[in-house]
Amino acid sequence: MNDTLTPGLIIIIIAAYFAVLVGISWWTSREDSDNESFFLGGRKSPWPLVALGMVGATLSGVTFISVPGAVGAGGANQAFSYMQLVFGYLLGYVFIATVLLPLYYRLGLTSIYEYLKDRLGRHAHKIGAFYFLLSRTIGAAFRLFLVAIVLQEYVTGPFGLPFFVTVAITILLIWLYTFKGGIRTIVYTDTLQTVCMLLAAGMTVYYIGEALETDLSGMVGLIQNSDYGQVFFFEGGWTDPNNFFKQFFSGALITIVMTGLDQDMMQKNLSMPNFRDAQKNMAAFSIVLVFANLLFLALGALLYIYANSVGLAIPEASDQLYPSIALRNLPAAAGIFFILGLVAAAYSSADSALTALTTSFCVDFLGMEERRAPGLDGPVVDKKQQRLYVHIGFSVLLFVVIMSFSLIGDQAVITSLFKAAGYTYGPLLGLFAFGLFTRLRVREFVSVGGVRVPALVIVCVLAPIISIVVDYYSAALLGGFQFGFLILAFNGLLTFLGLIALSDFSAVAEREEEAVGGRR
């Protein structure tokens, strides 16, 4: 590590950074901290701040570290091929802004999975919310785990602190600045953290330019003349993980499912006064996101160019390239910006995830209403206190999952678990598509071996399992073709077809007959 960038200095910087976050939390929640404020910020969030904050939540620690490293690692997302995915995002954002947001606002939702209850019944509501909780818990824990590893190696480890203490402090800090203000605080803290992430990437580019003795135009020329500047990949066919069409349509699907059907991302949109502001937010956010990803890809290319020019060995794990160069080879200021960006990247994703997990559980499973819990006729339930317990519970759960990852130890296994969690978005895609594009209703129960089982549960459990098996054997069965992110479409299609197969068509016919009779 750079001699002047000591672990003690880094801790002071991080402590000052979190003091600012806690100050923002106090400022945003000083007037009230009721559930409406925690869940949706009183529906008063300014769209420009939400747009900027969502960029940081979308990028996350994985993007901050992994995307620059993937540029020169070969395989998936090599060079600038990741931009093909980002261009696909834009198509998905159009669908969200024109179809999903008007629907969510028209229904006045707090949790987007309440739509499934209105359209398909309680089983759809519960399984949709459950899959979100499962996927987001594993996803948030995975992202925090990656960042905690870096903090352990460069910050807390030199002081002799064990890994579980690093993780506990990390989660405690998130809890401290989110437990009271919720989404109202997140809107402002995520904006700050997005700025820190982009500033970290921009300053690293600046210091690499200084080291290479070139200016901005010179760095652009270096990237264009290197092996890292290719954006579009058409020649590889469907077996190529970087194929344009696979990446583009995967990007659109990822956006629709992991933004439009994700409580974490949509909660920020629902916190605005009306869906017109939410549409403005989506437009501004998508534009900023394109340039943010370009910045991180350019950073990745320059990291490899710099390493090759000074004879640095490329780490076996490409994720270590950015932290290694920023903390050991560039000026101390670059390392300081990197630490700030890294912490911001981790927390901009994890803090909103913790808030969304709390919101979804409170609304979708505890059925929080104005004053009383469902089925209770006695004393008024303290909903604020109940929400606090849920918030603490999910904080503890994140800690347990992260420590489980550390006990597993095998990075490949942990990555596989993270990928498996992504399969749970397929049923969400199928459920929402079925609700939006058909008038059918699924039978409530079917008989399996004489046992009545909810029909929706059968479909939504089998679809991800079949998708995992098909994805695993696709290269052998389909002449080298691998689904990649397109497995989301396959998963969603299986769910959609399964729901149609188990629909009650007689009910539709009866409704149509009643409608005809009414017109007569």
Protein backbone atom coordinates (compact mmCIF):
# COMPACT_ATOMS: atom_id res chain seq x y z
CA MET A 1 0.00 0.00 0.00
CA ASN A 2 1.10 3.59 -0.57
CA ASP A 3 3.22 4.59 2.45
CA THR A 4 1.18 7.72 3.18
CA LEU A 5 -2.15 5.90 2.85
CA THR A 6 -2.06 4.09 6.19
CA PRO A 7 -4.94 2.00 7.58
CA GLY A 8 -5.35 4.60 10.33
CA LEU A 9 -5.81 7.39 7.79
CA ILE A 10 -8.31 5.30 5.85
CA ILE A 11 -10.34 4.66 9.00
CA ILE A 12 -10.40 8.40 9.75
CA ILE A 13 -11.65 9.09 6.21
CA ILE A 14 -14.34 6.42 6.45
CA ALA A 15 -15.40 7.66 9.90
CA ALA A 16 -15.75 11.22 8.56
CA TYR A 17 -17.73 9.92 5.60
CA PHE A 18 -20.17 8.07 7.84
CA ALA A 19 -20.49 11.07 10.11
CA VAL A 20 -21.83 12.91 7.07
CA LEU A 21 -24.28 10.06 6.33
CA VAL A 22 -25.54 10.04 9.92
CA GLY A 23 -25.91 13.83 9.75
CA ILE A 24 -28.02 13.48 6.61
CA SER A 25 -30.11 10.84 8.37
CA TRP A 26 -30.75 13.17 11.31
CA TRP A 27 -31.62 16.07 9.00
CA THR A 28 -34.04 14.08 6.83
CA SER A 29 -35.88 12.41 9.72
CA ARG A 30 -35.91 15.19 12.32
CA GLU A 31 -39.58 16.11 11.74
CA ASP A 32 -41.21 12.70 11.71
CA SER A 33 -40.28 9.08 11.20
CA ASP A 34 -43.60 7.33 10.77
CA ASN A 35 -44.07 4.36 8.47
CA GLU A 36 -45.31 6.46 5.57
CA SER A 37 -42.10 8.49 5.76
CA PHE A 38 -39.94 5.35 6.09
CA PHE A 39 -41.61 3.48 3.22
CA LEU A 40 -42.21 6.27 0.68
CA GLY A 41 -40.76 9.47 2.11
CA GLY A 42 -44.23 11.00 2.27
CA ARG A 43 -44.22 10.83 -1.56
CA LYS A 44 -42.24 14.07 -1.65
CA SER A 45 -38.89 12.94 -3.08
CA PRO A 46 -37.42 15.34 -5.69
CA TRP A 47 -36.89 13.46 -8.95
CA PRO A 48 -33.44 14.92 -9.83
CA LEU A 49 -31.99 13.58 -6.57
CA VAL A 50 -33.67 10.20 -7.01
CA ALA A 51 -32.31 9.93 -10.55
CA LEU A 52 -28.74 10.55 -9.43
CA GLY A 53 -29.07 8.30 -6.38
CA MET A 54 -30.44 5.41 -8.44
CA VAL A 55 -27.27 5.43 -10.56
CA GLY A 56 -25.19 4.50 -7.54
CA ALA A 57 -27.67 1.84 -6.41
CA THR A 58 -27.65 0.32 -9.90
CA LEU A 59 -23.86 0.31 -10.25
CA SER A 60 -23.15 -1.18 -6.79
CA GLY A 61 -19.83 -2.49 -5.50
CA VAL A 62 -19.82 -5.29 -8.08
CA THR A 63 -19.81 -2.80 -10.94
CA PHE A 64 -17.32 -0.53 -9.19
CA ILE A 65 -14.74 -3.32 -8.90
CA SER A 66 -15.74 -6.00 -11.41
CA VAL A 67 -16.63 -4.08 -14.58
CA PRO A 68 -13.22 -2.35 -14.88
CA GLY A 69 -11.49 -5.68 -14.21
CA ALA A 70 -13.54 -7.54 -16.84
CA VAL A 71 -12.43 -5.19 -19.65
CA GLY A 72 -9.14 -6.98 -20.21
CA ALA A 73 -9.87 -10.36 -18.63
CA GLY A 74 -11.29 -11.98 -21.78
CA GLY A 75 -14.54 -13.94 -21.87
CA ALA A 76 -17.85 -12.31 -21.04
CA ASN A 77 -17.96 -8.49 -20.96
CA GLN A 78 -14.48 -8.11 -22.46
CA ALA A 79 -13.41 -4.73 -23.84
CA PHE A 80 -16.41 -2.36 -24.07
CA SER A 81 -18.91 -5.14 -24.86
CA TYR A 82 -20.69 -4.36 -21.59
CA MET A 83 -22.08 -1.23 -23.28
CA GLN A 84 -24.25 -3.48 -25.46
CA LEU A 85 -26.00 -4.55 -22.25
CA VAL A 86 -26.29 -0.91 -21.17
CA PHE A 87 -27.90 0.07 -24.50
CA GLY A 88 -30.42 -2.70 -23.88
CA TYR A 89 -31.16 -1.13 -20.50
CA LEU A 90 -32.58 1.89 -22.32
CA LEU A 91 -35.24 -0.24 -24.00
CA GLY A 92 -36.20 -1.68 -20.63
CA TYR A 93 -36.44 1.75 -19.04
CA VAL A 94 -38.88 2.85 -21.74
CA PHE A 95 -41.15 -0.09 -20.83
CA ILE A 96 -40.91 0.75 -17.13
CA ALA A 97 -41.70 4.43 -17.69
CA THR A 98 -44.65 3.86 -20.03
CA VAL A 99 -46.24 0.65 -18.69
CA LEU A 100 -45.23 -0.17 -15.12
CA LEU A 101 -44.97 3.26 -13.48
CA PRO A 102 -48.46 4.42 -14.57
CA LEU A 103 -49.86 1.11 -13.26
CA TYR A 104 -48.13 1.37 -9.88
CA TYR A 105 -49.20 4.98 -9.39
CA ARG A 106 -52.78 4.34 -10.50
CA LEU A 107 -53.08 1.62 -7.85
CA GLY A 108 -51.35 3.75 -5.19
CA LEU A 109 -48.98 0.93 -4.19
CA THR A 110 -46.46 0.92 -1.37
CA SER A 111 -45.10 -2.52 -2.30
CA ILE A 112 -45.29 -3.33 -5.99
CA TYR A 113 -46.21 -6.93 -5.14
CA GLU A 114 -49.58 -5.70 -3.90
CA TYR A 115 -50.48 -5.61 -7.61
CA LEU A 116 -50.14 -9.40 -7.74
CA LYS A 117 -52.62 -9.71 -4.87
CA ASP A 118 -55.18 -7.51 -6.64
CA ARG A 119 -54.75 -9.27 -9.98
CA LEU A 120 -53.93 -12.91 -9.14
CA GLY A 121 -54.70 -13.42 -5.46
CA ARG A 122 -52.90 -13.92 -2.18
CA HIS A 123 -50.68 -16.81 -3.31
CA ALA A 124 -49.22 -14.71 -6.14
CA HIS A 125 -48.71 -11.83 -3.72
CA LYS A 126 -46.84 -13.92 -1.17
CA ILE A 127 -44.67 -15.86 -3.61
CA GLY A 128 -43.74 -12.70 -5.52
CA ALA A 129 -42.71 -10.92 -2.33
CA PHE A 130 -40.91 -14.03 -1.06
CA TYR A 131 -38.81 -14.31 -4.21
CA PHE A 132 -37.87 -10.64 -3.94
CA LEU A 133 -36.83 -11.08 -0.29
CA LEU A 134 -34.77 -14.16 -1.13
CA SER A 135 -33.02 -12.69 -4.14
CA ARG A 136 -32.36 -9.27 -2.66
CA THR A 137 -31.07 -10.69 0.63
CA ILE A 138 -28.55 -12.91 -1.16
CA GLY A 139 -27.68 -10.17 -3.66
CA ALA A 140 -27.10 -7.48 -1.02
CA ALA A 141 -25.08 -9.89 1.12
CA PHE A 142 -22.95 -10.90 -1.87
CA ARG A 143 -22.14 -7.29 -2.75
CA LEU A 144 -21.30 -6.41 0.85
CA PHE A 145 -19.20 -9.57 1.10
CA LEU A 146 -17.02 -8.51 -1.85
CA VAL A 147 -16.47 -5.06 -0.38
CA ALA A 148 -15.85 -6.42 3.13
CA ILE A 149 -13.04 -8.59 1.72
CA VAL A 150 -11.29 -5.48 0.38
CA LEU A 151 -11.85 -3.55 3.62
CA GLN A 152 -10.52 -6.50 5.62
CA GLU A 153 -7.35 -6.72 3.55
CA TYR A 154 -6.50 -3.03 3.38
CA VAL A 155 -8.20 -1.39 6.38
CA THR A 156 -9.33 -3.48 9.35
CA GLY A 157 -7.05 -6.48 8.87
CA PRO A 158 -3.84 -4.53 9.61
CA PHE A 159 -5.35 -3.64 13.01
CA GLY A 160 -5.91 -7.30 13.77
CA LEU A 161 -9.70 -7.17 13.61
CA PRO A 162 -11.32 -10.44 12.51
CA PHE A 163 -13.55 -10.59 9.45
CA PHE A 164 -16.79 -10.94 11.42
CA VAL A 165 -16.06 -7.64 13.20
CA THR A 166 -15.51 -5.93 9.83
CA VAL A 167 -18.86 -7.26 8.61
CA ALA A 168 -20.67 -6.35 11.83
CA ILE A 169 -19.36 -2.76 11.75
CA THR A 170 -20.29 -2.48 8.08
CA ILE A 171 -23.91 -3.51 8.68
CA LEU A 172 -24.23 -1.55 11.92
CA LEU A 173 -23.27 1.65 10.12
CA ILE A 174 -25.97 1.02 7.49
CA TRP A 175 -28.53 0.41 10.21
CA LEU A 176 -27.60 3.59 12.05
CA TYR A 177 -28.38 5.93 9.18
CA THR A 178 -31.42 4.09 7.77
CA PHE A 179 -33.41 2.83 10.78
CA LYS A 180 -35.27 6.09 11.29
CA GLY A 181 -35.58 7.91 7.97
CA GLY A 182 -35.83 4.98 5.58
CA ILE A 183 -36.39 5.98 1.96
CA ARG A 184 -36.43 9.70 2.81
CA THR A 185 -32.83 9.38 4.02
CA ILE A 186 -31.82 7.00 1.21
CA VAL A 187 -32.75 9.52 -1.49
CA TYR A 188 -30.13 11.94 -0.15
CA THR A 189 -27.43 9.51 0.99
CA ASP A 190 -27.54 7.64 -2.33
CA THR A 191 -27.08 10.93 -4.18
CA LEU A 192 -23.95 11.63 -2.14
CA GLN A 193 -22.69 8.10 -2.69
CA THR A 194 -23.24 8.25 -6.46
CA VAL A 195 -21.18 11.44 -6.57
CA CYS A 196 -18.41 9.72 -4.56
CA MET A 197 -18.39 6.72 -6.91
CA LEU A 198 -18.19 8.81 -10.06
CA LEU A 199 -15.61 11.11 -8.49
CA ALA A 200 -13.49 8.10 -7.49
CA ALA A 201 -13.54 6.71 -11.04
CA GLY A 202 -12.90 10.13 -12.59
CA MET A 203 -9.98 10.93 -10.30
CA THR A 204 -8.41 7.52 -10.92
CA VAL A 205 -8.58 8.20 -14.65
CA TYR A 206 -6.96 11.59 -14.02
CA TYR A 207 -4.07 10.11 -12.03
CA ILE A 208 -3.49 7.38 -14.60
CA GLY A 209 -3.33 10.09 -17.26
CA GLU A 210 -0.70 11.88 -15.18
CA ALA A 211 1.28 8.67 -14.79
CA LEU A 212 1.13 8.02 -18.53
CA GLU A 213 1.93 11.70 -19.22
CA THR A 214 -1.08 12.25 -21.43
CA ASP A 215 -4.29 14.28 -21.42
CA LEU A 216 -7.93 13.30 -22.00
CA SER A 217 -7.69 13.14 -25.78
CA GLY A 218 -4.49 11.13 -25.46
CA MET A 219 -6.20 8.61 -23.18
CA VAL A 220 -9.08 8.29 -25.65
CA GLY A 221 -6.54 7.58 -28.37
CA LEU A 222 -4.78 4.98 -26.20
CA ILE A 223 -8.06 3.16 -25.63
CA GLN A 224 -9.05 3.28 -29.32
CA ASN A 225 -5.69 1.89 -30.40
CA SER A 226 -5.64 -0.84 -27.74
CA ASP A 227 -7.25 -4.26 -27.63
CA TYR A 228 -9.82 -2.97 -25.17
CA GLY A 229 -11.86 -0.46 -27.19
CA GLN A 230 -14.25 -2.70 -29.15
CA VAL A 231 -17.90 -2.02 -28.33
CA PHE A 232 -19.99 -4.13 -30.72
CA PHE A 233 -19.57 -7.88 -31.21
CA PHE A 234 -21.52 -9.34 -34.13
CA GLU A 235 -19.17 -11.92 -35.57
CA GLY A 236 -19.17 -14.50 -32.75
CA GLY A 237 -22.70 -15.82 -33.24
CA TRP A 238 -25.03 -17.06 -30.51
CA THR A 239 -22.31 -19.07 -28.80
CA ASP A 240 -20.36 -15.88 -28.07
CA PRO A 241 -21.24 -14.48 -24.60
CA ASN A 242 -20.53 -11.00 -25.97
CA ASN A 243 -22.84 -11.30 -29.00
CA PHE A 244 -24.63 -7.99 -29.54
CA PHE A 245 -28.15 -9.36 -29.79
CA LYS A 246 -27.75 -11.55 -26.69
CA GLN A 247 -26.34 -8.66 -24.71
CA PHE A 248 -28.84 -6.06 -25.96
CA PHE A 249 -31.99 -8.07 -25.32
CA SER A 250 -30.58 -9.41 -22.07
CA GLY A 251 -30.04 -5.80 -20.96
CA ALA A 252 -33.67 -4.95 -21.69
CA LEU A 253 -34.90 -7.99 -19.75
CA ILE A 254 -32.56 -7.35 -16.83
CA THR A 255 -33.87 -3.81 -16.55
CA ILE A 256 -37.54 -4.77 -16.69
CA VAL A 257 -37.12 -7.54 -14.12
CA MET A 258 -34.41 -6.24 -11.80
CA THR A 259 -35.60 -2.64 -11.84
CA GLY A 260 -39.25 -2.58 -12.88
CA LEU A 261 -40.25 -5.68 -10.87
CA ASP A 262 -37.88 -5.04 -7.95
CA GLN A 263 -39.20 -3.33 -4.83
CA ASP A 264 -35.77 -1.93 -4.02
CA MET A 265 -35.46 0.05 -7.24
CA MET A 266 -39.12 0.95 -7.68
CA GLN A 267 -39.60 2.15 -4.10
CA LYS A 268 -37.58 5.24 -4.95
CA ASN A 269 -39.82 5.93 -7.95
CA LEU A 270 -42.94 5.47 -5.83
CA SER A 271 -41.66 8.03 -3.34
CA MET A 272 -42.25 10.88 -5.80
CA PRO A 273 -45.45 12.98 -5.87
CA ASN A 274 -46.75 11.61 -9.19
CA PHE A 275 -45.82 9.30 -12.02
CA ARG A 276 -44.86 12.20 -14.31
CA ASP A 277 -42.01 13.03 -11.95
CA ALA A 278 -41.19 9.33 -11.83
CA GLN A 279 -41.00 9.27 -15.63
CA LYS A 280 -38.68 12.28 -15.59
CA ASN A 281 -36.56 10.44 -13.06
CA MET A 282 -36.31 7.35 -15.28
CA ALA A 283 -35.33 9.46 -18.31
CA ALA A 284 -32.62 11.39 -16.44
CA PHE A 285 -31.38 8.30 -14.62
CA SER A 286 -30.99 6.25 -17.82
CA ILE A 287 -28.95 8.99 -19.53
CA VAL A 288 -26.61 9.44 -16.57
CA LEU A 289 -26.24 5.67 -16.26
CA VAL A 290 -24.98 5.34 -19.84
CA PHE A 291 -22.20 7.87 -19.24
CA ALA A 292 -21.38 6.38 -15.83
CA ASN A 293 -20.84 2.94 -17.37
CA LEU A 294 -18.71 4.46 -20.13
CA LEU A 295 -16.56 6.03 -17.43
CA PHE A 296 -16.03 2.72 -15.62
CA LEU A 297 -15.22 0.88 -18.84
CA ALA A 298 -12.72 3.57 -19.83
CA LEU A 299 -11.22 3.26 -16.36
CA GLY A 300 -10.87 -0.50 -16.87
CA ALA A 301 -9.11 -0.10 -20.20
CA LEU A 302 -6.73 2.49 -18.73
CA LEU A 303 -5.94 0.27 -15.75
CA TYR A 304 -4.78 -2.48 -18.10
CA ILE A 305 -2.88 -0.02 -20.31
CA TYR A 306 -1.17 1.43 -17.24
CA ALA A 307 -0.29 -2.00 -15.83
CA ASN A 308 1.23 -3.09 -19.15
CA SER A 309 3.17 0.16 -19.55
CA VAL A 310 4.88 -0.07 -16.14
CA GLY A 311 5.26 -3.84 -16.11
CA LEU A 312 2.80 -4.68 -13.35
CA ALA A 313 1.62 -8.26 -13.08
CA ILE A 314 -2.12 -8.58 -13.71
CA PRO A 315 -3.82 -10.19 -10.67
CA GLU A 316 -5.26 -13.64 -11.26
CA ALA A 317 -8.60 -12.35 -9.98
CA SER A 318 -9.50 -9.43 -12.25
CA ASP A 319 -11.57 -7.87 -9.42
CA GLN A 320 -8.29 -7.08 -7.63
CA LEU A 321 -6.84 -4.99 -10.47
CA TYR A 322 -8.53 -1.69 -9.58
CA PRO A 323 -7.90 -1.82 -5.79
CA SER A 324 -4.34 -3.04 -6.31
CA ILE A 325 -3.34 -0.18 -8.61
CA ALA A 326 -5.31 2.53 -6.78
CA LEU A 327 -3.92 1.64 -3.36
CA ARG A 328 -0.38 0.57 -4.23
CA ASN A 329 0.78 2.31 -7.39
CA LEU A 330 -0.98 5.66 -7.78
CA PRO A 331 -0.65 8.74 -5.51
CA ALA A 332 -2.25 8.57 -2.07
CA ALA A 333 -5.08 10.86 -3.20
CA ALA A 334 -6.13 8.23 -5.76
CA GLY A 335 -6.28 5.65 -2.99
CA ILE A 336 -8.37 7.94 -0.81
CA PHE A 337 -10.85 8.49 -3.62
CA PHE A 338 -10.92 4.75 -4.28
CA ILE A 339 -11.77 3.94 -0.66
CA LEU A 340 -14.54 6.54 -0.65
CA GLY A 341 -15.89 5.21 -3.94
CA LEU A 342 -15.71 1.62 -2.76
CA VAL A 343 -17.57 2.34 0.48
CA ALA A 344 -20.12 4.45 -1.39
CA ALA A 345 -20.63 1.68 -3.95
CA ALA A 346 -21.27 -0.88 -1.25
CA TYR A 347 -23.59 1.25 0.81
CA SER A 348 -25.59 2.82 -2.02
CA SER A 349 -26.78 -0.68 -2.89
CA ALA A 350 -27.02 -2.19 0.60
CA ASP A 351 -28.80 0.68 2.37
CA SER A 352 -31.65 0.82 -0.14
CA ALA A 353 -31.82 -2.99 -0.15
CA LEU A 354 -32.22 -3.04 3.65
CA THR A 355 -34.96 -0.42 3.45
CA ALA A 356 -36.76 -2.27 0.65
CA LEU A 357 -36.54 -5.62 2.45
CA THR A 358 -38.04 -4.03 5.55
CA THR A 359 -40.80 -2.37 3.53
CA SER A 360 -41.73 -5.50 1.60
CA PHE A 361 -41.88 -7.70 4.70
CA CYS A 362 -43.92 -5.14 6.65
CA VAL A 363 -46.42 -4.54 3.84
CA ASP A 364 -46.54 -7.92 2.08
CA PHE A 365 -46.28 -10.29 5.04
CA LEU A 366 -47.30 -8.30 8.11
CA GLY A 367 -50.04 -6.45 6.24
CA MET A 368 -49.31 -3.12 7.87
CA GLU A 369 -52.25 -0.76 7.52
CA GLU A 370 -53.06 2.54 9.14
CA ARG A 371 -53.49 1.42 12.74
CA ARG A 372 -54.15 -2.28 13.27
CA ALA A 373 -52.50 -5.48 12.21
CA PRO A 374 -54.76 -7.90 10.28
CA GLY A 375 -56.93 -10.04 12.50
CA LEU A 376 -56.22 -8.16 15.72
CA ASP A 377 -59.23 -6.66 17.48
CA GLY A 378 -57.42 -5.77 20.69
CA PRO A 379 -55.03 -2.92 21.46
CA VAL A 380 -53.58 -0.84 18.66
CA VAL A 381 -50.32 -2.34 17.38
CA ASP A 382 -47.29 -0.06 17.48
CA LYS A 383 -46.46 -0.22 13.79
CA LYS A 384 -43.40 1.94 14.15
CA GLN A 385 -41.93 -0.38 16.76
CA GLN A 386 -42.85 -3.40 14.66
CA ARG A 387 -41.06 -1.91 11.67
CA LEU A 388 -37.97 -1.30 13.79
CA TYR A 389 -37.85 -4.97 14.81
CA VAL A 390 -38.13 -6.03 11.16
CA HIS A 391 -35.33 -3.63 10.22
CA ILE A 392 -33.09 -5.10 12.92
CA GLY A 393 -34.03 -8.61 11.85
CA PHE A 394 -32.95 -8.08 8.25
CA SER A 395 -29.70 -6.46 9.41
CA VAL A 396 -28.93 -9.59 11.42
CA LEU A 397 -29.94 -11.79 8.49
CA LEU A 398 -27.50 -9.97 6.18
CA PHE A 399 -24.74 -10.53 8.73
CA VAL A 400 -25.54 -14.26 8.94
CA VAL A 401 -25.59 -14.68 5.14
CA ILE A 402 -22.29 -12.82 4.68
CA MET A 403 -20.63 -14.93 7.37
CA SER A 404 -22.01 -18.05 5.67
CA PHE A 405 -20.28 -16.92 2.49
CA SER A 406 -17.02 -16.52 4.39
CA LEU A 407 -17.36 -20.04 5.82
CA ILE A 408 -17.96 -21.48 2.35
CA GLY A 409 -14.73 -19.83 1.24
CA ASP A 410 -14.97 -21.02 -2.37
CA GLN A 411 -15.54 -17.92 -4.53
CA ALA A 412 -16.97 -20.02 -7.38
CA VAL A 413 -19.59 -21.54 -5.08
CA ILE A 414 -20.56 -18.13 -3.70
CA THR A 415 -20.86 -16.70 -7.22
CA SER A 416 -23.07 -19.65 -8.14
CA LEU A 417 -25.33 -18.92 -5.17
CA PHE A 418 -25.58 -15.30 -6.28
CA LYS A 419 -26.46 -16.43 -9.80
CA ALA A 420 -29.02 -18.93 -8.48
CA ALA A 421 -30.73 -16.11 -6.57
CA GLY A 422 -31.15 -14.37 -9.92
CA TYR A 423 -33.33 -17.23 -11.13
CA THR A 424 -36.03 -16.09 -8.74
CA TYR A 425 -36.70 -13.07 -10.97
CA GLY A 426 -37.98 -15.40 -13.71
CA PRO A 427 -41.21 -16.23 -11.85
CA LEU A 428 -41.70 -12.52 -11.14
CA LEU A 429 -41.40 -11.82 -14.87
CA GLY A 430 -43.91 -14.57 -15.66
CA LEU A 431 -46.37 -13.48 -12.96
CA PHE A 432 -46.39 -9.82 -13.99
CA ALA A 433 -46.55 -10.68 -17.72
CA PHE A 434 -49.48 -13.02 -17.06
CA GLY A 435 -51.24 -10.32 -15.06
CA LEU A 436 -50.61 -7.55 -17.60
CA PHE A 437 -51.19 -9.35 -20.89
CA THR A 438 -53.96 -11.85 -20.15
CA ARG A 439 -57.41 -11.74 -18.56
CA LEU A 440 -57.05 -15.23 -17.13
CA ARG A 441 -57.04 -16.27 -13.50
CA VAL A 442 -55.10 -19.26 -12.20
CA ARG A 443 -56.90 -21.98 -10.30
CA GLU A 444 -56.32 -21.57 -6.60
CA PHE A 445 -55.45 -25.23 -5.93
CA VAL A 446 -54.56 -28.35 -7.88
CA SER A 447 -54.42 -31.93 -6.62
CA VAL A 448 -50.96 -33.55 -6.46
CA GLY A 449 -51.10 -37.14 -5.27
CA GLY A 450 -54.37 -36.42 -3.51
CA VAL A 451 -52.96 -33.34 -1.77
CA ARG A 452 -54.31 -29.86 -2.62
CA VAL A 453 -51.41 -27.59 -3.48
CA PRO A 454 -51.59 -23.92 -4.57
CA ALA A 455 -51.27 -23.96 -8.37
CA LEU A 456 -49.12 -20.83 -8.42
CA VAL A 457 -46.62 -22.35 -6.03
CA ILE A 458 -46.12 -25.39 -8.27
CA VAL A 459 -45.43 -23.25 -11.33
CA CYS A 460 -43.20 -20.72 -9.58
CA VAL A 461 -41.08 -23.43 -7.93
CA LEU A 462 -40.70 -25.68 -10.98
CA ALA A 463 -39.84 -22.91 -13.47
CA PRO A 464 -36.57 -21.84 -11.77
CA ILE A 465 -35.53 -25.47 -11.19
CA ILE A 466 -36.07 -26.38 -14.85
CA SER A 467 -34.27 -23.18 -15.91
CA ILE A 468 -31.22 -24.02 -13.78
CA VAL A 469 -31.00 -27.50 -15.32
CA VAL A 470 -31.49 -26.25 -18.89
CA ASP A 471 -28.94 -23.46 -18.40
CA TYR A 472 -26.37 -25.91 -17.02
CA TYR A 473 -26.67 -28.32 -19.95
CA SER A 474 -27.46 -25.79 -22.71
CA ALA A 475 -23.96 -25.77 -24.24
CA ALA A 476 -23.98 -29.57 -24.63
CA LEU A 477 -27.58 -29.78 -25.83
CA LEU A 478 -27.68 -26.72 -28.09
CA GLY A 479 -24.39 -26.86 -29.97
CA GLY A 480 -22.42 -24.54 -27.72
CA PHE A 481 -25.22 -22.02 -27.13
CA GLN A 482 -25.34 -20.59 -23.62
CA PHE A 483 -28.28 -18.57 -22.40
CA GLY A 484 -26.38 -16.11 -20.23
CA PHE A 485 -28.78 -13.44 -19.02
CA LEU A 486 -31.37 -14.66 -21.56
CA ILE A 487 -32.18 -17.43 -19.09
CA LEU A 488 -34.43 -14.81 -17.47
CA ALA A 489 -36.61 -14.83 -20.58
CA PHE A 490 -36.72 -18.63 -20.65
CA ASN A 491 -37.55 -18.76 -16.94
CA GLY A 492 -40.27 -16.16 -17.31
CA LEU A 493 -41.72 -17.93 -20.36
CA LEU A 494 -41.91 -21.24 -18.46
CA THR A 495 -43.75 -19.48 -15.65
CA PHE A 496 -46.10 -17.73 -18.08
CA LEU A 497 -46.96 -20.96 -19.94
CA GLY A 498 -47.39 -22.84 -16.66
CA LEU A 499 -49.84 -20.23 -15.39
CA ILE A 500 -51.84 -20.47 -18.62
CA ALA A 501 -51.90 -24.28 -18.37
CA LEU A 502 -53.34 -24.07 -14.84
CA SER A 503 -55.82 -21.27 -15.56
CA ASP A 504 -59.54 -21.54 -15.04
CA PHE A 505 -60.86 -20.89 -18.55
CA SER A 506 -64.46 -21.57 -17.52
CA ALA A 507 -64.40 -18.50 -15.28
CA VAL A 508 -63.34 -16.34 -18.23
CA ALA A 509 -66.14 -17.73 -20.36
CA GLU A 510 -68.67 -17.01 -17.61
CA ARG A 511 -67.45 -13.42 -17.27
CA GLU A 512 -67.71 -12.90 -21.02
CA GLU A 513 -71.26 -14.30 -21.06
CA GLU A 514 -72.23 -12.00 -18.20
CA ALA A 515 -70.75 -9.03 -20.07
CA VAL A 516 -72.70 -9.91 -23.22
CA GLY A 517 -75.90 -10.34 -21.19
CA GLY A 518 -75.35 -6.99 -19.54
CA ARG A 519 -74.98 -5.21 -22.89
CA ARG A 520 -78.27 -6.73 -24.06
